[in-house]
N, C-alpha and C. Protein backbone atom coordinates (compact mmCIF):
# COMPACT_ATOMS: atom_id res chain seq x y z
N MET A 1 -6.33 -32.33 24.74
CA MET A 1 -5.35 -32.08 23.68
C MET A 1 -4.62 -30.78 23.97
N SER A 2 -3.34 -30.83 23.92
CA SER A 2 -2.49 -29.67 24.17
C SER A 2 -2.39 -28.80 22.92
N ALA A 3 -2.37 -27.50 23.13
CA ALA A 3 -2.21 -26.58 22.00
C ALA A 3 -0.74 -26.52 21.59
N PRO A 4 -0.46 -26.35 20.32
CA PRO A 4 0.93 -26.19 19.89
C PRO A 4 1.45 -24.83 20.37
N ALA A 5 2.74 -24.67 20.30
CA ALA A 5 3.38 -23.39 20.65
C ALA A 5 4.31 -23.00 19.52
N TYR A 6 4.50 -21.70 19.38
CA TYR A 6 5.28 -21.18 18.26
C TYR A 6 6.32 -20.19 18.75
N PHE A 7 7.51 -20.29 18.19
CA PHE A 7 8.52 -19.25 18.35
C PHE A 7 8.44 -18.37 17.12
N ILE A 8 8.39 -17.07 17.33
CA ILE A 8 8.50 -16.11 16.26
C ILE A 8 9.82 -15.39 16.50
N VAL A 9 10.69 -15.45 15.52
CA VAL A 9 12.06 -14.95 15.68
C VAL A 9 12.35 -13.93 14.60
N THR A 10 12.96 -12.82 14.99
CA THR A 10 13.46 -11.86 14.02
C THR A 10 14.93 -11.61 14.34
N MET A 11 15.71 -11.40 13.29
CA MET A 11 17.14 -11.23 13.51
C MET A 11 17.76 -10.43 12.38
N ASN A 12 18.93 -9.89 12.66
CA ASN A 12 19.76 -9.28 11.63
C ASN A 12 21.14 -9.91 11.74
N ILE A 13 21.49 -10.70 10.76
CA ILE A 13 22.78 -11.41 10.76
C ILE A 13 23.87 -10.45 10.30
N THR A 14 24.88 -10.30 11.14
CA THR A 14 25.98 -9.39 10.82
C THR A 14 27.28 -10.14 10.52
N ASP A 15 27.34 -11.40 10.89
CA ASP A 15 28.53 -12.22 10.61
C ASP A 15 28.05 -13.54 10.00
N PRO A 16 27.81 -13.55 8.68
CA PRO A 16 27.25 -14.75 8.03
C PRO A 16 28.10 -16.01 8.22
N GLU A 17 29.40 -15.88 8.23
CA GLU A 17 30.25 -17.07 8.39
C GLU A 17 30.06 -17.68 9.77
N ARG A 18 30.02 -16.87 10.79
CA ARG A 18 29.79 -17.37 12.15
C ARG A 18 28.37 -17.93 12.28
N TYR A 19 27.41 -17.27 11.65
CA TYR A 19 26.02 -17.70 11.75
C TYR A 19 25.81 -19.07 11.09
N LYS A 20 26.64 -19.40 10.11
CA LYS A 20 26.53 -20.71 9.45
C LYS A 20 26.69 -21.85 10.45
N GLN A 21 27.52 -21.66 11.46
CA GLN A 21 27.69 -22.70 12.50
C GLN A 21 26.37 -22.92 13.24
N TYR A 22 25.71 -21.82 13.56
CA TYR A 22 24.41 -21.90 14.24
C TYR A 22 23.38 -22.57 13.34
N MET A 23 23.33 -22.15 12.08
CA MET A 23 22.36 -22.72 11.14
C MET A 23 22.59 -24.22 10.92
N ALA A 24 23.81 -24.66 11.03
CA ALA A 24 24.11 -26.08 10.85
C ALA A 24 23.66 -26.91 12.06
N ALA A 25 23.70 -26.32 13.25
CA ALA A 25 23.38 -27.06 14.47
C ALA A 25 21.92 -26.93 14.89
N ALA A 26 21.27 -25.84 14.58
CA ALA A 26 19.93 -25.58 15.09
C ALA A 26 18.88 -26.59 14.63
N PRO A 27 18.83 -26.99 13.35
CA PRO A 27 17.76 -27.92 12.93
C PRO A 27 17.73 -29.23 13.72
N ALA A 28 18.88 -29.80 14.03
CA ALA A 28 18.90 -31.05 14.78
C ALA A 28 18.37 -30.85 16.20
N ALA A 29 18.70 -29.72 16.81
CA ALA A 29 18.21 -29.42 18.16
C ALA A 29 16.70 -29.21 18.14
N VAL A 30 16.20 -28.53 17.12
CA VAL A 30 14.76 -28.31 16.98
C VAL A 30 14.04 -29.64 16.82
N LYS A 31 14.53 -30.48 15.93
CA LYS A 31 13.91 -31.78 15.67
C LYS A 31 13.95 -32.68 16.90
N ALA A 32 15.08 -32.69 17.60
CA ALA A 32 15.23 -33.54 18.79
C ALA A 32 14.24 -33.14 19.88
N ALA A 33 13.83 -31.88 19.90
CA ALA A 33 12.89 -31.39 20.91
C ALA A 33 11.44 -31.48 20.43
N GLY A 34 11.23 -32.09 19.25
CA GLY A 34 9.88 -32.27 18.73
C GLY A 34 9.35 -31.08 17.94
N GLY A 35 10.25 -30.15 17.60
CA GLY A 35 9.83 -28.97 16.86
C GLY A 35 10.07 -29.09 15.37
N GLU A 36 9.56 -28.10 14.65
CA GLU A 36 9.78 -28.04 13.22
C GLU A 36 9.78 -26.58 12.77
N TYR A 37 10.54 -26.31 11.72
CA TYR A 37 10.54 -24.98 11.13
C TYR A 37 9.33 -24.84 10.21
N LEU A 38 8.63 -23.74 10.35
CA LEU A 38 7.57 -23.39 9.41
C LEU A 38 8.07 -22.30 8.46
N VAL A 39 8.92 -21.45 8.98
CA VAL A 39 9.53 -20.36 8.21
C VAL A 39 10.98 -20.28 8.65
N ARG A 40 11.88 -20.18 7.69
CA ARG A 40 13.31 -20.03 8.00
C ARG A 40 13.92 -19.11 6.95
N GLY A 41 13.77 -17.81 7.18
CA GLY A 41 14.24 -16.84 6.19
C GLY A 41 13.18 -16.72 5.11
N GLY A 42 13.58 -16.49 3.92
CA GLY A 42 12.63 -16.37 2.83
C GLY A 42 12.09 -14.97 2.66
N ARG A 43 11.37 -14.81 1.61
CA ARG A 43 10.82 -13.51 1.24
C ARG A 43 9.76 -13.08 2.26
N HIS A 44 9.77 -11.81 2.62
CA HIS A 44 8.75 -11.25 3.51
C HIS A 44 8.63 -9.76 3.26
N GLU A 45 7.49 -9.22 3.66
CA GLU A 45 7.27 -7.78 3.55
C GLU A 45 6.34 -7.33 4.67
N THR A 46 6.52 -6.11 5.11
CA THR A 46 5.65 -5.53 6.12
C THR A 46 4.43 -4.96 5.43
N LEU A 47 3.25 -5.40 5.83
CA LEU A 47 2.01 -4.94 5.22
C LEU A 47 1.30 -3.89 6.05
N GLU A 48 1.56 -3.88 7.35
CA GLU A 48 1.00 -2.86 8.24
C GLU A 48 2.01 -2.58 9.34
N GLY A 49 2.04 -1.36 9.81
CA GLY A 49 2.93 -0.99 10.89
C GLY A 49 4.33 -0.67 10.39
N ASP A 50 5.25 -0.51 11.35
CA ASP A 50 6.62 -0.11 10.99
C ASP A 50 7.66 -1.18 11.35
N TRP A 51 7.21 -2.40 11.54
CA TRP A 51 8.10 -3.51 11.86
C TRP A 51 8.92 -3.83 10.62
N GLN A 52 10.24 -3.80 10.73
CA GLN A 52 11.12 -4.04 9.59
C GLN A 52 12.18 -5.09 9.92
N PRO A 53 11.78 -6.32 10.18
CA PRO A 53 12.78 -7.35 10.48
C PRO A 53 13.63 -7.66 9.24
N HIS A 54 14.88 -7.96 9.48
CA HIS A 54 15.76 -8.35 8.38
C HIS A 54 15.52 -9.79 7.96
N ARG A 55 15.29 -10.66 8.93
CA ARG A 55 15.07 -12.08 8.68
C ARG A 55 14.06 -12.59 9.70
N VAL A 56 13.19 -13.50 9.27
CA VAL A 56 12.13 -14.02 10.14
C VAL A 56 12.18 -15.55 10.12
N ALA A 57 11.96 -16.14 11.29
CA ALA A 57 11.81 -17.59 11.41
C ALA A 57 10.59 -17.86 12.30
N VAL A 58 9.89 -18.94 12.01
CA VAL A 58 8.76 -19.38 12.83
C VAL A 58 8.94 -20.88 13.04
N LEU A 59 8.88 -21.30 14.29
CA LEU A 59 9.03 -22.71 14.64
C LEU A 59 7.80 -23.16 15.41
N ARG A 60 7.39 -24.39 15.20
CA ARG A 60 6.24 -24.95 15.90
C ARG A 60 6.71 -26.11 16.78
N PHE A 61 6.18 -26.17 17.99
CA PHE A 61 6.43 -27.26 18.93
C PHE A 61 5.09 -27.83 19.37
N PRO A 62 5.06 -29.07 19.82
CA PRO A 62 3.79 -29.71 20.16
C PRO A 62 3.07 -29.06 21.34
N SER A 63 3.80 -28.36 22.21
CA SER A 63 3.18 -27.71 23.36
C SER A 63 4.08 -26.58 23.86
N TYR A 64 3.50 -25.75 24.68
CA TYR A 64 4.27 -24.65 25.29
C TYR A 64 5.41 -25.22 26.14
N ASP A 65 5.09 -26.25 26.92
CA ASP A 65 6.11 -26.87 27.78
C ASP A 65 7.25 -27.47 26.96
N ALA A 66 6.93 -28.09 25.82
CA ALA A 66 7.98 -28.65 24.95
C ALA A 66 8.87 -27.54 24.40
N ALA A 67 8.27 -26.41 24.06
CA ALA A 67 9.05 -25.29 23.54
C ALA A 67 9.95 -24.71 24.62
N ARG A 68 9.45 -24.58 25.83
CA ARG A 68 10.27 -24.08 26.95
C ARG A 68 11.43 -25.06 27.21
N ALA A 69 11.14 -26.35 27.18
CA ALA A 69 12.18 -27.35 27.41
C ALA A 69 13.27 -27.26 26.34
N PHE A 70 12.88 -26.96 25.12
CA PHE A 70 13.85 -26.78 24.03
C PHE A 70 14.83 -25.67 24.37
N VAL A 71 14.31 -24.54 24.79
CA VAL A 71 15.18 -23.39 25.11
C VAL A 71 16.07 -23.69 26.30
N GLU A 72 15.54 -24.40 27.27
CA GLU A 72 16.29 -24.67 28.49
C GLU A 72 17.20 -25.90 28.36
N GLY A 73 17.08 -26.65 27.28
CA GLY A 73 17.86 -27.87 27.09
C GLY A 73 19.11 -27.64 26.26
N ASP A 74 19.38 -28.60 25.36
CA ASP A 74 20.59 -28.55 24.54
C ASP A 74 20.70 -27.29 23.70
N TYR A 75 19.56 -26.79 23.24
CA TYR A 75 19.61 -25.56 22.43
C TYR A 75 20.25 -24.43 23.24
N GLY A 76 19.77 -24.23 24.44
CA GLY A 76 20.29 -23.15 25.27
C GLY A 76 21.73 -23.35 25.69
N ARG A 77 22.10 -24.58 25.93
CA ARG A 77 23.46 -24.87 26.40
C ARG A 77 24.48 -24.99 25.27
N LYS A 78 24.08 -25.57 24.13
CA LYS A 78 25.06 -25.91 23.08
C LYS A 78 24.89 -25.11 21.79
N VAL A 79 23.65 -24.84 21.40
CA VAL A 79 23.42 -24.23 20.10
C VAL A 79 23.39 -22.70 20.17
N ARG A 80 22.68 -22.14 21.13
CA ARG A 80 22.60 -20.68 21.24
C ARG A 80 23.97 -20.02 21.27
N PRO A 81 24.95 -20.55 22.00
CA PRO A 81 26.27 -19.90 22.02
C PRO A 81 26.93 -19.80 20.63
N LEU A 82 26.55 -20.65 19.70
CA LEU A 82 27.13 -20.60 18.35
C LEU A 82 26.76 -19.32 17.59
N ARG A 83 25.64 -18.72 17.95
CA ARG A 83 25.23 -17.52 17.22
C ARG A 83 25.64 -16.22 17.91
N LEU A 84 26.14 -16.31 19.13
CA LEU A 84 26.54 -15.10 19.85
C LEU A 84 27.62 -14.36 19.07
N GLY A 85 27.41 -13.08 18.86
CA GLY A 85 28.34 -12.27 18.10
C GLY A 85 28.10 -12.30 16.61
N ALA A 86 27.12 -13.08 16.14
CA ALA A 86 26.85 -13.20 14.71
C ALA A 86 25.65 -12.36 14.26
N THR A 87 24.93 -11.76 15.23
CA THR A 87 23.74 -10.98 14.88
C THR A 87 23.76 -9.63 15.58
N GLU A 88 23.18 -8.66 14.91
CA GLU A 88 22.97 -7.33 15.53
C GLU A 88 21.89 -7.46 16.60
N TYR A 89 20.83 -8.20 16.26
CA TYR A 89 19.77 -8.50 17.21
C TYR A 89 19.20 -9.87 16.88
N PHE A 90 18.63 -10.50 17.88
CA PHE A 90 17.97 -11.79 17.73
C PHE A 90 16.82 -11.78 18.72
N ASN A 91 15.63 -11.50 18.24
CA ASN A 91 14.44 -11.42 19.08
C ASN A 91 13.64 -12.70 18.93
N MET A 92 13.23 -13.28 20.06
CA MET A 92 12.48 -14.53 20.01
C MET A 92 11.33 -14.44 21.01
N VAL A 93 10.13 -14.63 20.53
CA VAL A 93 8.96 -14.66 21.40
C VAL A 93 8.31 -16.04 21.28
N LEU A 94 7.81 -16.54 22.41
CA LEU A 94 7.09 -17.81 22.45
C LEU A 94 5.63 -17.52 22.67
N VAL A 95 4.78 -18.09 21.84
CA VAL A 95 3.35 -17.86 21.96
C VAL A 95 2.61 -19.20 21.85
N GLU A 96 1.62 -19.37 22.70
CA GLU A 96 0.81 -20.58 22.65
C GLU A 96 -0.21 -20.46 21.54
N GLY A 97 -0.35 -21.52 20.77
CA GLY A 97 -1.30 -21.53 19.66
C GLY A 97 -2.68 -21.94 20.10
N VAL A 98 -3.52 -22.22 19.14
CA VAL A 98 -4.90 -22.62 19.38
C VAL A 98 -4.98 -24.13 19.24
N ALA A 99 -5.59 -24.78 20.22
CA ALA A 99 -5.79 -26.22 20.14
C ALA A 99 -6.79 -26.52 19.02
N ALA A 100 -6.43 -27.43 18.14
CA ALA A 100 -7.31 -27.79 17.02
C ALA A 100 -8.51 -28.57 17.54
N PRO A 101 -9.69 -28.32 17.00
CA PRO A 101 -10.86 -29.09 17.42
C PRO A 101 -10.72 -30.56 17.04
N VAL A 102 -11.28 -31.40 17.85
CA VAL A 102 -11.19 -32.85 17.61
C VAL A 102 -12.17 -33.28 16.56
């Protein structure tokens, strides 16, 4: 059984109108690659440390390879360009999760 993989994303949106184009296209690309949003914005607070993200998203994919394929596929070619210039920063890390016991 393959372990799931997660993208943890932090961003600061500086051009909300431009970012709306990205937000409209991203969910279909995520779904087509077998992923799902677990967190997409919403209330958050820093409980330890000095990390102060403006917005947080967490996405789950069935495997690390599926998540890499998502970034290298249509998302990277068609969707990512829609957000260029719409954020001050957009940090995305990919991390492999824990395989659930059978």
